[in-house]
Every structure is written in structure tokens, then in C-alpha cells.
C-alpha atoms as a PDB file:
ATOM      1  CA  MET A   1       5.099   2.858 -21.372  1.00  0.00           C
ATOM      2  CA  PRO A   2       7.609   4.874 -19.339  1.00  0.00           C
ATOM      3  CA  LEU A   3       6.893   5.502 -15.684  1.00  0.00           C
ATOM      4  CA  ASP A   4       6.784   8.972 -14.219  1.00  0.00           C
ATOM      5  CA  HIS A   5       8.735   7.934 -11.126  1.00  0.00           C
ATOM      6  CA  LEU A   6      12.020   6.063 -11.242  1.00  0.00           C
ATOM      7  CA  PRO A   7      14.734   5.514  -8.616  1.00  0.00           C
ATOM      8  CA  THR A   8      16.244   8.963  -8.151  1.00  0.00           C
ATOM      9  CA  SER A   9      19.711   9.996  -9.291  1.00  0.00           C
ATOM     10  CA  ARG A  10      20.476   6.774 -11.165  1.00  0.00           C
ATOM     11  CA  SER A  11      23.469   8.355 -12.871  1.00  0.00           C
ATOM     12  CA  SER A  12      24.961   9.348  -9.524  1.00  0.00           C
ATOM     13  CA  MET A  13      24.589   5.931  -7.889  1.00  0.00           C
ATOM     14  CA  THR A  14      28.309   5.208  -8.061  1.00  0.00           C
ATOM     15  CA  ASP A  15      29.225   5.781  -4.419  1.00  0.00           C
ATOM     16  CA  SER A  16      30.051   3.124  -1.847  1.00  0.00           C
ATOM     17  CA  ALA A  17      26.551   2.941  -0.385  1.00  0.00           C
ATOM     18  CA  LEU A  18      24.526  -0.257  -0.347  1.00  0.00           C
ATOM     19  CA  ARG A  19      20.926   0.231  -1.462  1.00  0.00           C
ATOM     20  CA  ILE A  20      18.440  -2.537  -0.715  1.00  0.00           C
ATOM     21  CA  HIS A  21      15.190  -2.098  -2.634  1.00  0.00           C
ATOM     22  CA  LEU A  22      12.312  -3.727  -0.726  1.00  0.00           C
ATOM     23  CA  VAL A  23       9.378  -4.679  -2.965  1.00  0.00           C
ATOM     24  CA  ARG A  24       6.049  -6.225  -2.080  1.00  0.00           C
ATOM     25  CA  HIS A  25       4.755  -8.780  -4.593  1.00  0.00           C
ATOM     26  CA  ALA A  26       2.154  -7.889  -7.237  1.00  0.00           C
ATOM     27  CA  GLU A  27      -1.571  -7.899  -6.521  1.00  0.00           C
ATOM     28  CA  THR A  28      -3.237 -11.322  -6.230  1.00  0.00           C
ATOM     29  CA  LEU A  29      -6.765 -12.684  -6.174  1.00  0.00           C
ATOM     30  CA  PHE A  30      -6.641 -13.155  -2.386  1.00  0.00           C
ATOM     31  CA  ASN A  31      -5.491  -9.550  -1.984  1.00  0.00           C
ATOM     32  CA  VAL A  32      -8.574  -8.166  -3.691  1.00  0.00           C
ATOM     33  CA  ARG A  33     -10.868 -10.682  -2.002  1.00  0.00           C
ATOM     34  CA  ARG A  34      -9.380  -9.767   1.397  1.00  0.00           C
ATOM     35  CA  GLN A  35      -8.330 -13.305   2.246  1.00  0.00           C
ATOM     36  CA  LEU A  36      -5.385 -14.236   4.451  1.00  0.00           C
ATOM     37  CA  GLN A  37      -2.452 -15.203   2.264  1.00  0.00           C
ATOM     38  CA  GLY A  38       0.689 -16.368   3.998  1.00  0.00           C
ATOM     39  CA  TRP A  39       2.326 -19.512   2.689  1.00  0.00           C
ATOM     40  CA  CYS A  40      -0.637 -20.267   0.415  1.00  0.00           C
ATOM     41  CA  ASP A  41      -0.809 -18.648  -3.021  1.00  0.00           C
ATOM     42  CA  SER A  42      -3.344 -17.263  -5.475  1.00  0.00           C
ATOM     43  CA  PRO A  43      -2.964 -16.001  -9.067  1.00  0.00           C
ATOM     44  CA  LEU A  44      -2.092 -12.452 -10.009  1.00  0.00           C
ATOM     45  CA  THR A  45      -4.921 -10.147 -11.034  1.00  0.00           C
ATOM     46  CA  PRO A  46      -4.923  -8.098 -14.266  1.00  0.00           C
ATOM     47  CA  ARG A  47      -3.581  -5.181 -12.213  1.00  0.00           C
ATOM     48  CA  GLY A  48      -0.944  -7.480 -10.739  1.00  0.00           C
ATOM     49  CA  LEU A  49       0.272  -8.541 -14.169  1.00  0.00           C
ATOM     50  CA  ARG A  50       0.596  -4.912 -15.238  1.00  0.00           C
ATOM     51  CA  GLN A  51       2.381  -4.087 -11.964  1.00  0.00           C
ATOM     52  CA  VAL A  52       4.961  -6.741 -12.833  1.00  0.00           C
ATOM     53  CA  GLU A  53       5.562  -5.052 -16.188  1.00  0.00           C
ATOM     54  CA  ALA A  54       5.866  -1.691 -14.454  1.00  0.00           C
ATOM     55  CA  LEU A  55       8.526  -3.063 -12.109  1.00  0.00           C
ATOM     56  CA  GLY A  56      10.517  -4.225 -15.116  1.00  0.00           C
ATOM     57  CA  GLU A  57      10.479  -0.678 -16.477  1.00  0.00           C
ATOM     58  CA  TYR A  58      11.297   0.741 -13.038  1.00  0.00           C
ATOM     59  CA  PHE A  59      14.408  -1.374 -12.482  1.00  0.00           C
ATOM     60  CA  ALA A  60      15.580  -1.682 -16.104  1.00  0.00           C
ATOM     61  CA  GLY A  61      18.175   1.086 -15.880  1.00  0.00           C
ATOM     62  CA  LEU A  62      19.372   0.326 -12.366  1.00  0.00           C
ATOM     63  CA  PRO A  63      22.678  -1.623 -12.180  1.00  0.00           C
ATOM     64  CA  LEU A  64      21.480  -4.330  -9.798  1.00  0.00           C
ATOM     65  CA  VAL A  65      24.246  -6.461  -8.306  1.00  0.00           C
ATOM     66  CA  ALA A  66      22.079  -9.087  -6.579  1.00  0.00           C
ATOM     67  CA  ALA A  67      18.451 -10.136  -6.196  1.00  0.00           C
ATOM     68  CA  PHE A  68      16.610 -12.078  -3.510  1.00  0.00           C
ATOM     69  CA  SER A  69      13.017 -13.261  -3.458  1.00  0.00           C
ATOM     70  CA  SER A  70      10.614 -15.323  -1.428  1.00  0.00           C
ATOM     71  CA  ASP A  71      10.199 -18.687  -3.129  1.00  0.00           C
ATOM     72  CA  LEU A  72       6.388 -18.485  -3.288  1.00  0.00           C
ATOM     73  CA  THR A  73       4.794 -18.266  -6.736  1.00  0.00           C
ATOM     74  CA  ARG A  74       3.505 -14.694  -6.457  1.00  0.00           C
ATOM     75  CA  THR A  75       6.943 -13.376  -5.506  1.00  0.00           C
ATOM     76  CA  ARG A  76       8.707 -15.479  -8.140  1.00  0.00           C
ATOM     77  CA  THR A  77       6.461 -14.003 -10.831  1.00  0.00           C
ATOM     78  CA  THR A  78       6.993 -10.491  -9.490  1.00  0.00           C
ATOM     79  CA  THR A  79      10.764 -10.940  -9.345  1.00  0.00           C
ATOM     80  CA  ALA A  80      10.926 -12.302 -12.886  1.00  0.00           C
ATOM     81  CA  GLY A  81       9.153  -9.174 -14.105  1.00  0.00           C
ATOM     82  CA  ALA A  82      11.343  -6.842 -12.077  1.00  0.00           C
ATOM     83  CA  LEU A  83      14.433  -8.466 -13.596  1.00  0.00           C
ATOM     84  CA  ALA A  84      13.181  -8.345 -17.195  1.00  0.00           C
ATOM     85  CA  GLY A  85      15.939  -5.873 -18.015  1.00  0.00           C
ATOM     86  CA  HIS A  86      18.586  -7.961 -16.223  1.00  0.00           C
ATOM     87  CA  PRO A  87      18.530 -11.327 -18.054  1.00  0.00           C
ATOM     88  CA  HIS A  88      21.903 -12.420 -16.678  1.00  0.00           C
ATOM     89  CA  LEU A  89      21.094 -11.741 -13.011  1.00  0.00           C
ATOM     90  CA  VAL A  90      19.948 -14.951 -11.314  1.00  0.00           C
ATOM     91  CA  PRO A  91      17.862 -14.301  -8.181  1.00  0.00           C
ATOM     92  CA  GLU A  92      18.192 -16.343  -5.016  1.00  0.00           C
ATOM     93  CA  TRP A  93      14.855 -17.924  -4.091  1.00  0.00           C
ATOM     94  CA  MET A  94      14.606 -17.897  -0.313  1.00  0.00           C
ATOM     95  CA  PRO A  95      12.064 -19.714   1.885  1.00  0.00           C
ATOM     96  CA  ALA A  96      13.339 -17.369   4.609  1.00  0.00           C
ATOM     97  CA  LEU A  97      11.595 -14.457   2.856  1.00  0.00           C
ATOM     98  CA  ARG A  98       8.155 -16.088   2.819  1.00  0.00           C
ATOM     99  CA  GLU A  99       5.162 -14.302   4.307  1.00  0.00           C
ATOM    100  CA  TRP A 100       4.175 -15.001   7.901  1.00  0.00           C
ATOM    101  CA  ASN A 101       2.674 -18.483   8.114  1.00  0.00           C
ATOM    102  CA  PHE A 102      -0.962 -18.050   9.184  1.00  0.00           C
ATOM    103  CA  GLY A 103      -1.470 -21.781   9.708  1.00  0.00           C
ATOM    104  CA  GLY A 104      -5.142 -22.741   9.859  1.00  0.00           C
ATOM    105  CA  TRP A 105      -6.115 -19.153   9.095  1.00  0.00           C
ATOM    106  CA  GLU A 106      -4.719 -19.393   5.549  1.00  0.00           C
ATOM    107  CA  GLY A 107      -7.325 -18.481   2.942  1.00  0.00           C
ATOM    108  CA  GLN A 108      -9.858 -17.263   5.512  1.00  0.00           C
ATOM    109  CA  PRO A 109     -11.439 -13.774   5.290  1.00  0.00           C
ATOM    110  CA  ASN A 110      -9.145 -11.181   6.858  1.00  0.00           C
ATOM    111  CA  PRO A 111     -11.699 -10.051   9.491  1.00  0.00           C
ATOM    112  CA  SER A 112     -12.094 -13.593  10.848  1.00  0.00           C
ATOM    113  CA  LEU A 113      -8.588 -13.336  12.305  1.00  0.00           C
ATOM    114  CA  TRP A 114      -8.024  -9.632  12.779  1.00  0.00           C
ATOM    115  CA  THR A 115     -11.348  -8.488  14.263  1.00  0.00           C
ATOM    116  CA  PRO A 116     -11.122 -10.564  17.488  1.00  0.00           C
ATOM    117  CA  ILE A 117      -7.418  -9.800  17.920  1.00  0.00           C
ATOM    118  CA  PHE A 118      -8.027  -6.067  17.626  1.00  0.00           C
ATOM    119  CA  GLU A 119     -11.096  -6.155  19.882  1.00  0.00           C
ATOM    120  CA  ALA A 120      -9.244  -8.091  22.587  1.00  0.00           C
ATOM    121  CA  HIS A 121      -6.825  -5.157  22.849  1.00  0.00           C
ATOM    122  CA  GLY A 122      -9.397  -2.384  22.677  1.00  0.00           C
ATOM    123  CA  TYR A 123      -8.919  -1.563  19.007  1.00  0.00           C
ATOM    124  CA  VAL A 124     -11.092  -1.742  15.891  1.00  0.00           C
ATOM    125  CA  TYR A 125      -9.846  -3.618  12.838  1.00  0.00           C
ATOM    126  CA  GLY A 126      -9.705  -1.323   9.809  1.00  0.00           C
ATOM    127  CA  THR A 127      -9.550   1.885  11.843  1.00  0.00           C
ATOM    128  CA  ALA A 128      -6.727   4.224  10.865  1.00  0.00           C
ATOM    129  CA  GLY A 129      -3.868   4.183  13.339  1.00  0.00           C
ATOM    130  CA  HIS A 130      -5.024   1.152  15.324  1.00  0.00           C
ATOM    131  CA  TRP A 131      -2.530  -1.217  13.709  1.00  0.00           C
ATOM    132  CA  ASP A 132       0.294   1.156  14.630  1.00  0.00           C
ATOM    133  CA  GLN A 133      -0.933   1.201  18.220  1.00  0.00           C
ATOM    134  CA  LEU A 134      -1.256  -2.583  18.349  1.00  0.00           C
ATOM    135  CA  THR A 135       2.286  -2.987  17.001  1.00  0.00           C
ATOM    136  CA  VAL A 136       3.915  -0.067  18.803  1.00  0.00           C
ATOM    137  CA  GLU A 137       6.611  -2.441  20.111  1.00  0.00           C
ATOM    138  CA  GLY A 138       6.960  -4.119  16.725  1.00  0.00           C
ATOM    139  CA  PRO A 139       5.091  -6.953  15.005  1.00  0.00           C
ATOM    140  CA  ASP A 140       6.170  -9.766  17.346  1.00  0.00           C
ATOM    141  CA  THR A 141       3.148  -9.460  19.641  1.00  0.00           C
ATOM    142  CA  VAL A 142       0.774  -9.818  16.695  1.00  0.00           C
ATOM    143  CA  ILE A 143       2.659 -12.810  15.290  1.00  0.00           C
ATOM    144  CA  ASP A 144       2.415 -14.585  18.641  1.00  0.00           C
ATOM    145  CA  LEU A 145      -1.299 -13.753  18.869  1.00  0.00           C
ATOM    146  CA  ILE A 146      -1.854 -15.362  15.469  1.00  0.00           C
ATOM    147  CA  ALA A 147      -0.032 -18.490  16.590  1.00  0.00           C
ATOM    148  CA  SER A 148      -1.958 -18.657  19.872  1.00  0.00           C
ATOM    149  CA  THR A 149      -5.341 -18.490  18.107  1.00  0.00           C
ATOM    150  CA  ASP A 150      -4.477 -21.039  15.404  1.00  0.00           C
ATOM    151  CA  THR A 151      -6.094 -24.324  16.406  1.00  0.00           C
ATOM    152  CA  SER A 152      -4.147 -26.215  13.725  1.00  0.00           C
ATOM    153  CA  GLY A 153      -0.853 -25.469  15.474  1.00  0.00           C
ATOM    154  CA  MET A 154       0.813 -24.691  12.135  1.00  0.00           C
ATOM    155  CA  ALA A 155       1.122 -20.893  12.398  1.00  0.00           C
ATOM    156  CA  GLU A 156       4.566 -19.483  13.154  1.00  0.00           C
ATOM    157  CA  ASP A 157       5.378 -17.670  16.352  1.00  0.00           C
ATOM    158  CA  ALA A 158       7.605 -14.593  16.499  1.00  0.00           C
ATOM    159  CA  ALA A 159      10.709 -16.595  17.374  1.00  0.00           C
ATOM    160  CA  ALA A 160      10.356 -18.663  14.194  1.00  0.00           C
ATOM    161  CA  VAL A 161       9.748 -15.612  12.000  1.00  0.00           C
ATOM    162  CA  ASN A 162      12.655 -13.671  13.479  1.00  0.00           C
ATOM    163  CA  SER A 163      14.993 -16.637  13.090  1.00  0.00           C
ATOM    164  CA  ARG A 164      14.435 -16.783   9.351  1.00  0.00           C
ATOM    165  CA  MET A 165      14.554 -12.979   9.096  1.00  0.00           C
ATOM    166  CA  ARG A 166      18.051 -13.065  10.575  1.00  0.00           C
ATOM    167  CA  ASP A 167      19.022 -15.707   8.017  1.00  0.00           C
ATOM    168  CA  ALA A 168      17.637 -13.529   5.219  1.00  0.00           C
ATOM    169  CA  VAL A 169      19.463 -10.420   6.431  1.00  0.00           C
ATOM    170  CA  ALA A 170      22.744 -12.329   6.678  1.00  0.00           C
ATOM    171  CA  ALA A 171      22.378 -13.482   3.072  1.00  0.00           C
ATOM    172  CA  ILE A 172      21.381 -10.045   1.768  1.00  0.00           C
ATOM    173  CA  LEU A 173      24.177  -8.187   3.534  1.00  0.00           C
ATOM    174  CA  GLY A 174      26.647 -10.884   2.568  1.00  0.00           C
ATOM    175  CA  ALA A 175      25.887 -10.549  -1.137  1.00  0.00           C
ATOM    176  CA  ALA A 176      27.342  -7.069  -1.620  1.00  0.00           C
ATOM    177  CA  THR A 177      28.897  -4.210   0.309  1.00  0.00           C
ATOM    178  CA  SER A 178      27.786  -1.557  -2.171  1.00  0.00           C
ATOM    179  CA  GLY A 179      25.489  -1.116  -5.130  1.00  0.00           C
ATOM    180  CA  ASP A 180      21.825  -1.971  -5.622  1.00  0.00           C
ATOM    181  CA  VAL A 181      20.146  -5.129  -4.358  1.00  0.00           C
ATOM    182  CA  LEU A 182      16.566  -6.194  -5.089  1.00  0.00           C
ATOM    183  CA  VAL A 183      14.499  -7.941  -2.392  1.00  0.00           C
ATOM    184  CA  VAL A 184      10.969  -9.107  -3.249  1.00  0.00           C
ATOM    185  CA  ALA A 185       8.855 -10.306  -0.344  1.00  0.00           C
ATOM    186  CA  HIS A 186       5.444  -9.806   1.301  1.00  0.00           C
ATOM    187  CA  GLY A 187       3.506  -7.089   3.096  1.00  0.00           C
ATOM    188  CA  ALA A 188       3.644  -8.473   6.626  1.00  0.00           C
ATOM    189  CA  VAL A 189       7.091 -10.025   6.502  1.00  0.00           C
ATOM    190  CA  LEU A 190       8.579  -6.726   5.308  1.00  0.00           C
ATOM    191  CA  GLN A 191       7.442  -5.323   8.660  1.00  0.00           C
ATOM    192  CA  SER A 192       9.657  -7.934  10.334  1.00  0.00           C
ATOM    193  CA  LEU A 193      12.565  -7.530   7.912  1.00  0.00           C
ATOM    194  CA  ALA A 194      12.937  -3.742   7.695  1.00  0.00           C
ATOM    195  CA  PRO A 195      13.892  -3.112  11.362  1.00  0.00           C
ATOM    196  CA  LEU A 196      16.698  -5.669  11.087  1.00  0.00           C
ATOM    197  CA  LEU A 197      18.133  -3.836   8.076  1.00  0.00           C
ATOM    198  CA  ALA A 198      17.530  -0.331   9.448  1.00  0.00           C
ATOM    199  CA  PRO A 199      17.088  -0.309  13.246  1.00  0.00           C
ATOM    200  CA  GLY A 200      14.028   1.675  14.269  1.00  0.00           C
ATOM    201  CA  ALA A 201      12.458   1.515  10.810  1.00  0.00           C
ATOM    202  CA  ARG A 202       8.745   0.748  10.544  1.00  0.00           C
ATOM    203  CA  ILE A 203       6.792  -0.272   7.461  1.00  0.00           C
ATOM    204  CA  SER A 204       3.076   0.442   7.280  1.00  0.00           C
ATOM    205  CA  PRO A 205       0.601  -2.442   6.919  1.00  0.00           C
ATOM    206  CA  GLY A 206      -0.854  -0.485   3.996  1.00  0.00           C
ATOM    207  CA  TYR A 207       2.279  -1.134   1.899  1.00  0.00           C
ATOM    208  CA  PRO A 208       0.837  -1.424  -1.637  1.00  0.00           C
ATOM    209  CA  ASN A 209       1.475  -4.275  -4.018  1.00  0.00           C
ATOM    210  CA  CYS A 210       4.693  -3.516  -5.934  1.00  0.00           C
ATOM    211  CA  GLY A 211       5.474  -0.601  -3.663  1.00  0.00           C
ATOM    212  CA  VAL A 212       9.223   0.065  -3.399  1.00  0.00           C
ATOM    213  CA  THR A 213      11.118   1.330  -0.365  1.00  0.00           C
ATOM    214  CA  THR A 214      14.904   1.562  -0.260  1.00  0.00           C
ATOM    215  CA  VAL A 215      17.171   0.938   2.712  1.00  0.00           C
ATOM    216  CA  THR A 216      20.442   2.822   2.223  1.00  0.00           C
ATOM    217  CA  ILE A 217      23.470   1.696   4.217  1.00  0.00           C
ATOM    218  CA  SER A 218      26.414   4.083   4.149  1.00  0.00           C
ATOM    219  CA  GLY A 219      29.153   4.876   6.622  1.00  0.00           C
ATOM    220  CA  GLY A 220      27.801   2.341   9.088  1.00  0.00           C
ATOM    221  CA  ARG A 221      24.372   3.995   9.150  1.00  0.00           C
ATOM    222  CA  ALA A 222      21.143   2.591   7.698  1.00  0.00           C
ATOM    223  CA  THR A 223      18.129   4.681   6.712  1.00  0.00           C
ATOM    224  CA  LEU A 224      14.737   3.731   5.285  1.00  0.00           C
ATOM    225  CA  GLY A 225      13.569   5.917   2.417  1.00  0.00           C
ATOM    226  CA  GLU A 226      10.071   6.997   1.472  1.00  0.00           C
ATOM    227  CA  LEU A 227       7.629   4.637  -0.199  1.00  0.00           C
ATOM    228  CA  ASP A 228       7.449   4.841  -3.995  1.00  0.00           C
ATOM    229  CA  ALA A 229       4.032   3.540  -5.069  1.00  0.00           C
ATOM    230  CA  SER A 230       4.329   4.369  -8.770  1.00  0.00           C
ATOM    231  CA  CYS A 231       4.438   0.679  -9.762  1.00  0.00           C
ATOM    232  CA  ALA A 232       1.303  -0.063  -7.734  1.00  0.00           C
ATOM    233  CA  LEU A 233      -0.703   1.618 -10.530  1.00  0.00           C
ATOM    234  CA  LEU A 234      -3.355   2.744  -8.075  1.00  0.00           C
ATOM    235  CA  ASP A 235      -4.431   5.477 -10.485  1.00  0.00           C
ATOM    236  CA  GLU A 236      -5.104   3.062 -13.361  1.00  0.00           C
ATOM    237  CA  SER A 237      -8.395   1.251 -14.021  1.00  0.00           C
ATOM    238  CA  PHE A 238      -8.625  -2.503 -14.566  1.00  0.00           C
ATOM    239  CA  PRO A 239     -11.527  -4.850 -15.337  1.00  0.00           C
ATOM    240  CA  ALA A 240     -13.396  -6.236 -12.344  1.00  0.00           C
ATOM    241  CA  LEU A 241     -12.610  -9.841 -11.473  1.00  0.00           C
ATOM    242  CA  VAL A 242     -15.569 -12.094 -12.210  1.00  0.00           C
ATOM    243  CA  LEU A 243     -15.399 -15.487 -10.516  1.00  0.00           C
ATOM    244  CA  PRO A 244     -17.683 -18.456 -11.220  1.00  0.00           C
ATOM    245  CA  GLY A 245     -20.751 -18.175  -9.014  1.00  0.00           C
ATOM    246  CA  ALA A 246     -19.601 -14.937  -7.413  1.00  0.00           C
ATOM    247  CA  ALA A 247     -20.299 -11.253  -7.788  1.00  0.00           C
ATOM    248  CA  PRO A 248     -17.636  -9.125  -9.507  1.00  0.00           C
ATOM    249  CA  VAL A 249     -14.750  -8.023  -7.316  1.00  0.00           C
ATOM    250  CA  ALA A 250     -13.511  -4.500  -7.966  1.00  0.00           C
END
């Protein structure tokens, strides 16, 4: 089924610009159950599986020159779908592109971590605009707060996240000087990655599963384009998830 929205001006993408297409992985069980999902994984939902197919249609006609992906299962599956029309392009699986490591918070309900962090700074978790205010100086403060509240001692601090982000950026920018590059990662880590590719860029925490945003680098200048959510399939209906011993999850 063809998508209504595809990368614009495909036929004119023959200039010397480098276009880095940032994609969040497809929807997972933990996403719909609102559970923290960093280095842990959960299976794709029916919507997630269809999102993967949609990405394949979206990128089929784009002459990709390189592809990078987090090495976690949900991003591997998403990347494989996105590259369905590029059977000879072998992606680079990168631990550096993994989601933030939430340590002992992994798998816990989102509010168990976020509510006290927001309240400690005078904000309300889930209130529009409060995440932007909490991260006005970037995501590093939040990453360090996660690490400081993790009693297991396994969560990453900002220095660790930024170190691997720099490694990822070096690999991505070293792969090509022009053309189209696919990068499949995670909602939070894209907030850390984008400003290193396009200084001053900010990605919203509401970045949908299989949303696509493109960083264009041309003439020494990098710009972050608008979010394309067509592959998120937010306007399509899917069966509710029914788990053993649990109520249906919409």
C-alpha cells in the first residue's frame, strides 16, 4: 500500500548535501504499556510490525548510501524493514546507538521514575511543555538525575551517553560526505544525538515510533527538518493487545 508522504524531491536529491534520516524504532509492547525501555527489549506490537512495512515503502526509492542502527532487537527489526528495498546494503549495528541505560529502572512503569524527578523540579510529569522546561539546557541534567536515583548503580550518566554519541557521530559522518544515510535509534537517545549532528537542534520527547526527521548538512551548515510521522500510522486502527491475566491494552 503506497504511503501518502514520502521523502520530498527524491528525483532532485543529486546535490552534494548529506542527508541523515533519523528514525525511531517501531512500536513495542513496553511502549504501549508505558514501561521504561532502555537496554532491555520487548516484542513489536501489531502496529509496530505494520510500521516496519511502512518504513520499507518509505525508503524503497531513496538511494541510501549507508545505514546505521542500534544493536538492540527492536531497532534491528525496524532497520531490516526499512531496508527491504535495499537488499545489498548491509547496516552497521552499533551499541553506541542504544537507548539510554535506565539501570534498575528498566521495565518499571514510566511514572515510577519520571513523577518524582519532575516534582523535585517543580514540574508535573505528563504536562505539556514541562519536559521542554526540564531539559531547557539539553538532556544531560535528566540523564544524570536518572543515574543518581538508580540504586543498582547500572544506569548511565550523561558523560557515558555523550561519549558513545560522539563515537556514533564520528562513524556516521565518516561513512559518506553526500547522499542519504539511514540511522535507526531510540526516542531518548535521539535527543542526545541530534544536537551533535545539528548544533542547537532539539527533538521532542513525543517523537513517534517510526517517525522520520532528516538532518541536512550542506556547505558546512547542518539543519534539522520537520518530523514526518506518516510511518507511525497513528491514523490506523489495530487490535488491542491482550496479555495473559491482564486487561486489554489499547
